[in-house]
Amino acid sequence: MKKTPLFSSIPNFDPKQAPILPKDARFKALPASLVTEGFLVARLSQSLHAGQAADAHIPNNPLLKPSAVLIPIMQRGTDVTGLTVLLTMRSTKLRKHSGQIALPGGKIDAEDANAIATALREAEEEIGLPIANCQVIGSLSRHETGTGFEITPIVALVNPQYTPKLSEDEVSEIFEVPLLHILDPKNHNHHELTWTDAEGEHTRDWYGIPSTDLDGKSRHIWGVTARVLRNFYEYLHEESA
């Protein structure tokens, strides 16, 4: 099977400038009145068993390293902010995905009880998020990355009343984006790029989600993180249809 080319192998690569494929007309925005904490809990409840599996450290693909990430849904109340998604900026000191927007997470250790335990532990280590502040409500399907990881995304409602403490070796900053923005497919750009090098012709596709954080700063979510958030949207969309 032909190996998926790494983004780093694309000449003059800018994830924001690549051609965008037509939107998939099947997918619509989830109504603001529908996207409540109760809706999320109800829709994701049947998915919890995957995150609770005791064999999370054994990947489906033996060539990949098992890992887990947390999708932290911050409970900002009923004001104009509403529910938000907390994201991190990965440190430039890291070897893989350095300087990119990410979700808190990391490798599943054999001593971790399950993928949920990994996601919560990593979030506490990376950004100081107390496990007690997290109500885990679901688990999404595993996702393979081109850099050798098999990711289990864990979804949690989070009490935002805590003092962040960033692990400087892993995270340079944190920020939040409104959940409704993430769950609106008009904000999901499906990019596809074809290029030729000495080894022949290659094609790679990925999602990008142009966003603005709560402080008004532009943020371009793309790659693995955008794909995980797109999968989150698609799961909720199918369940709400």
Protein backbone atom coordinates (compact mmCIF):
# COMPACT_ATOMS: atom_id res chain seq x y z
CA MET A 1 0.00 0.00 0.00
CA LYS A 2 1.32 3.43 -0.93
CA LYS A 3 2.39 5.43 2.10
CA THR A 4 0.56 8.68 2.79
CA PRO A 5 2.99 11.55 2.13
CA LEU A 6 3.80 13.80 5.07
CA PHE A 7 2.80 17.45 4.90
CA SER A 8 6.45 18.31 5.42
CA SER A 9 7.22 16.69 2.07
CA ILE A 10 5.00 19.13 0.15
CA PRO A 11 7.08 21.89 -1.47
CA ASN A 12 6.25 25.46 -0.33
CA PHE A 13 3.38 24.10 1.73
CA ASP A 14 0.80 26.53 3.18
CA PRO A 15 -2.26 24.67 4.53
CA LYS A 16 -4.45 27.77 4.17
CA GLN A 17 -3.74 28.38 0.49
CA ALA A 18 -4.36 24.96 -1.05
CA PRO A 19 -7.42 24.39 -3.31
CA ILE A 20 -10.73 23.78 -1.54
CA LEU A 21 -13.11 21.02 -2.61
CA PRO A 22 -16.86 21.73 -2.97
CA LYS A 23 -18.88 21.54 0.25
CA ASP A 24 -20.81 18.33 0.88
CA ALA A 25 -24.45 19.37 0.65
CA ARG A 26 -25.53 16.52 2.94
CA PHE A 27 -24.15 18.30 5.99
CA LYS A 28 -25.93 21.23 7.65
CA ALA A 29 -25.23 23.38 10.68
CA LEU A 30 -26.62 22.08 13.93
CA PRO A 31 -29.17 24.64 15.25
CA ALA A 32 -27.93 26.73 18.18
CA SER A 33 -31.04 25.77 20.14
CA LEU A 34 -30.11 22.10 19.77
CA VAL A 35 -26.47 22.26 20.83
CA THR A 36 -26.86 22.13 24.60
CA GLU A 37 -25.05 20.20 27.29
CA GLY A 38 -28.04 17.85 27.55
CA PHE A 39 -27.98 17.19 23.80
CA LEU A 40 -24.27 16.36 23.85
CA VAL A 41 -24.64 14.02 26.83
CA ALA A 42 -27.59 12.22 25.24
CA ARG A 43 -26.01 11.85 21.80
CA LEU A 44 -22.64 10.67 23.05
CA SER A 45 -23.77 8.35 25.84
CA GLN A 46 -23.68 5.23 23.66
CA SER A 47 -20.11 5.97 22.61
CA LEU A 48 -18.60 5.89 26.11
CA HIS A 49 -17.80 2.17 26.04
CA ALA A 50 -15.03 2.68 23.47
CA GLY A 51 -13.18 5.08 25.76
CA GLN A 52 -13.63 2.71 28.70
CA ALA A 53 -12.07 -0.30 26.96
CA ALA A 54 -9.16 -1.76 28.93
CA ASP A 55 -7.14 -2.59 25.80
CA ALA A 56 -6.70 1.02 24.67
CA HIS A 57 -2.92 0.60 24.71
CA ILE A 58 -3.22 -2.06 21.96
CA PRO A 59 -3.68 -0.26 18.61
CA ASN A 60 -5.96 -1.62 15.88
CA ASN A 61 -3.05 -1.00 13.52
CA PRO A 62 0.09 -2.55 15.07
CA LEU A 63 2.28 -0.15 13.11
CA LEU A 64 0.85 2.85 14.98
CA LYS A 65 1.32 4.21 18.48
CA PRO A 66 -1.95 4.37 20.48
CA SER A 67 -2.81 7.79 21.87
CA ALA A 68 -5.78 9.75 23.17
CA VAL A 69 -6.83 13.40 23.03
CA LEU A 70 -9.39 15.34 25.01
CA ILE A 71 -12.03 17.50 23.34
CA PRO A 72 -12.72 19.87 26.26
CA ILE A 73 -16.14 21.51 25.96
CA MET A 74 -15.91 24.49 28.30
CA GLN A 75 -19.13 25.30 30.16
CA ARG A 76 -19.13 29.09 29.88
CA GLY A 77 -22.77 29.47 30.85
CA THR A 78 -25.72 31.04 29.04
CA ASP A 79 -24.12 34.38 28.14
CA VAL A 80 -22.96 35.30 24.62
CA THR A 81 -19.94 32.99 24.94
CA GLY A 82 -21.85 29.76 25.54
CA LEU A 83 -20.07 26.44 25.09
CA THR A 84 -16.54 26.61 23.71
CA VAL A 85 -13.78 24.20 22.69
CA LEU A 86 -10.42 24.60 24.41
CA LEU A 87 -7.42 24.16 22.12
CA THR A 88 -3.66 24.34 22.58
CA MET A 89 -0.74 25.65 20.56
CA ARG A 90 1.96 23.00 20.55
CA SER A 91 5.43 24.07 21.55
CA THR A 92 8.02 24.54 18.81
CA LYS A 93 10.30 22.36 20.96
CA LEU A 94 8.30 19.27 19.99
CA ARG A 95 9.52 17.02 17.19
CA LYS A 96 6.10 16.24 15.68
CA HIS A 97 3.30 18.71 14.91
CA SER A 98 5.36 21.47 16.52
CA GLY A 99 3.79 24.93 16.50
CA GLN A 100 0.41 23.56 15.41
CA ILE A 101 -3.01 23.87 17.01
CA ALA A 102 -3.91 20.72 18.89
CA LEU A 103 -6.12 19.12 21.51
CA PRO A 104 -4.61 18.10 24.86
CA GLY A 105 -3.42 14.51 24.70
CA GLY A 106 -0.62 12.04 24.24
CA LYS A 107 0.50 8.42 24.10
CA ILE A 108 -1.52 5.75 25.90
CA ASP A 109 0.67 4.05 28.49
CA ALA A 110 0.17 0.40 29.40
CA GLU A 111 -0.59 1.42 33.00
CA ASP A 112 -3.44 3.74 31.90
CA ALA A 113 -6.78 2.10 32.66
CA ASN A 114 -8.22 3.20 29.30
CA ALA A 115 -8.17 5.99 26.72
CA ILE A 116 -10.23 8.21 29.04
CA ALA A 117 -7.55 7.95 31.73
CA THR A 118 -4.89 8.92 29.20
CA ALA A 119 -6.76 11.95 27.87
CA LEU A 120 -7.50 13.26 31.36
CA ARG A 121 -3.96 12.64 32.60
CA GLU A 122 -2.41 14.35 29.60
CA ALA A 123 -4.71 17.37 29.91
CA GLU A 124 -3.73 17.77 33.54
CA GLU A 125 -0.03 17.44 32.70
CA GLU A 126 -0.11 19.76 29.67
CA ILE A 127 -2.41 22.57 30.80
CA GLY A 128 -3.10 21.95 34.49
CA LEU A 129 -6.75 20.99 33.89
CA PRO A 130 -7.94 19.16 37.05
CA ILE A 131 -9.50 15.78 36.38
CA ALA A 132 -12.22 16.72 38.88
CA ASN A 133 -13.33 19.53 36.53
CA CYS A 134 -14.06 17.09 33.70
CA GLN A 135 -17.26 15.16 33.07
CA VAL A 136 -16.46 12.64 30.35
CA ILE A 137 -19.48 12.19 28.09
CA GLY A 138 -18.24 10.31 25.04
CA SER A 139 -15.56 8.73 22.90
CA LEU A 140 -15.11 8.98 19.13
CA SER A 141 -13.75 6.44 16.67
CA ARG A 142 -9.98 6.01 16.49
CA HIS A 143 -8.20 8.14 13.91
CA GLU A 144 -4.91 7.32 12.19
CA THR A 145 -2.33 10.01 11.49
CA GLY A 146 0.40 10.13 8.88
CA THR A 147 2.97 10.61 11.64
CA GLY A 148 2.41 7.20 13.18
CA PHE A 149 -0.33 7.60 15.80
CA GLU A 150 -3.76 6.05 16.34
CA ILE A 151 -5.84 8.61 18.26
CA THR A 152 -8.91 8.00 20.41
CA PRO A 153 -10.74 11.32 20.96
CA ILE A 154 -12.49 11.68 24.34
CA VAL A 155 -15.21 14.31 24.81
CA ALA A 156 -15.74 16.01 28.18
CA LEU A 157 -17.79 18.85 29.60
CA VAL A 158 -15.41 21.03 31.60
CA ASN A 159 -15.90 23.40 34.51
CA PRO A 160 -13.69 26.34 33.40
CA GLN A 161 -13.01 27.54 36.94
CA TYR A 162 -9.37 26.54 37.28
CA THR A 163 -5.95 28.15 36.92
CA PRO A 164 -4.17 26.95 33.77
CA LYS A 165 -0.59 25.79 34.21
CA LEU A 166 1.09 25.11 30.89
CA SER A 167 3.86 22.58 30.40
CA GLU A 168 6.30 24.79 28.52
CA ASP A 169 7.97 21.84 26.80
CA GLU A 170 4.65 20.84 25.24
CA VAL A 171 2.27 23.82 25.08
CA SER A 172 2.98 27.46 24.28
CA GLU A 173 -0.58 28.79 24.79
CA ILE A 174 -4.25 27.84 25.12
CA PHE A 175 -7.36 29.49 23.69
CA GLU A 176 -11.05 28.81 23.10
CA VAL A 177 -13.28 28.83 20.02
CA PRO A 178 -17.11 28.80 20.16
CA LEU A 179 -18.49 25.27 19.82
CA LEU A 180 -21.19 26.44 17.38
CA HIS A 181 -18.44 27.64 15.03
CA ILE A 182 -16.79 24.22 15.16
CA LEU A 183 -20.12 22.47 14.53
CA ASP A 184 -21.00 24.53 11.45
CA PRO A 185 -19.78 22.76 8.27
CA LYS A 186 -19.68 26.02 6.31
CA ASN A 187 -16.53 26.68 8.37
CA HIS A 188 -14.96 23.36 7.33
CA ASN A 189 -12.72 23.70 4.29
CA HIS A 190 -11.80 20.39 2.69
CA HIS A 191 -8.47 20.99 0.98
CA GLU A 192 -6.85 18.78 -1.64
CA LEU A 193 -3.43 19.27 -3.22
CA THR A 194 -1.63 17.35 -5.97
CA TRP A 195 2.09 17.73 -6.60
CA THR A 196 4.90 15.92 -8.39
CA ASP A 197 8.41 15.16 -7.20
CA ALA A 198 11.17 12.69 -8.02
CA GLU A 199 9.03 9.80 -6.74
CA GLY A 200 6.03 10.68 -8.93
CA GLU A 201 2.62 12.28 -8.41
CA HIS A 202 1.08 12.59 -4.96
CA THR A 203 -2.31 13.79 -3.67
CA ARG A 204 -3.10 14.72 -0.08
CA ASP A 205 -6.30 16.07 1.43
CA TRP A 206 -7.07 17.58 4.85
CA TYR A 207 -9.57 19.79 6.67
CA GLY A 208 -9.03 23.37 7.72
CA ILE A 209 -11.29 25.36 10.06
CA PRO A 210 -10.56 29.11 9.93
CA SER A 211 -11.59 30.44 13.33
CA THR A 212 -11.47 33.39 15.70
CA ASP A 213 -10.81 32.79 19.39
CA LEU A 214 -12.60 34.51 22.28
CA ASP A 215 -9.98 37.28 22.27
CA GLY A 216 -10.59 38.06 18.59
CA LYS A 217 -7.38 36.46 17.34
CA SER A 218 -7.46 34.53 14.05
CA ARG A 219 -6.70 30.82 14.43
CA HIS A 220 -6.37 28.30 11.60
CA ILE A 221 -7.19 24.80 12.84
CA TRP A 222 -6.07 22.17 10.36
CA GLY A 223 -4.67 18.67 9.92
CA VAL A 224 -5.29 16.05 12.58
CA THR A 225 -7.09 18.41 14.96
CA ALA A 226 -9.47 19.66 12.27
CA ARG A 227 -10.15 16.07 11.17
CA VAL A 228 -10.99 15.01 14.75
CA LEU A 229 -13.33 18.00 15.16
CA ARG A 230 -14.93 17.28 11.79
CA ASN A 231 -15.50 13.67 12.90
CA PHE A 232 -17.08 15.02 16.09
CA TYR A 233 -19.43 17.15 14.01
CA GLU A 234 -20.30 14.26 11.66
CA TYR A 235 -21.10 11.98 14.60
CA LEU A 236 -23.46 14.55 16.11
CA HIS A 237 -24.98 15.32 12.70
CA GLU A 238 -25.79 11.68 11.99
CA GLU A 239 -27.14 11.12 15.45
CA SER A 240 -29.38 14.20 15.22
CA ALA A 241 -30.74 13.42 11.74
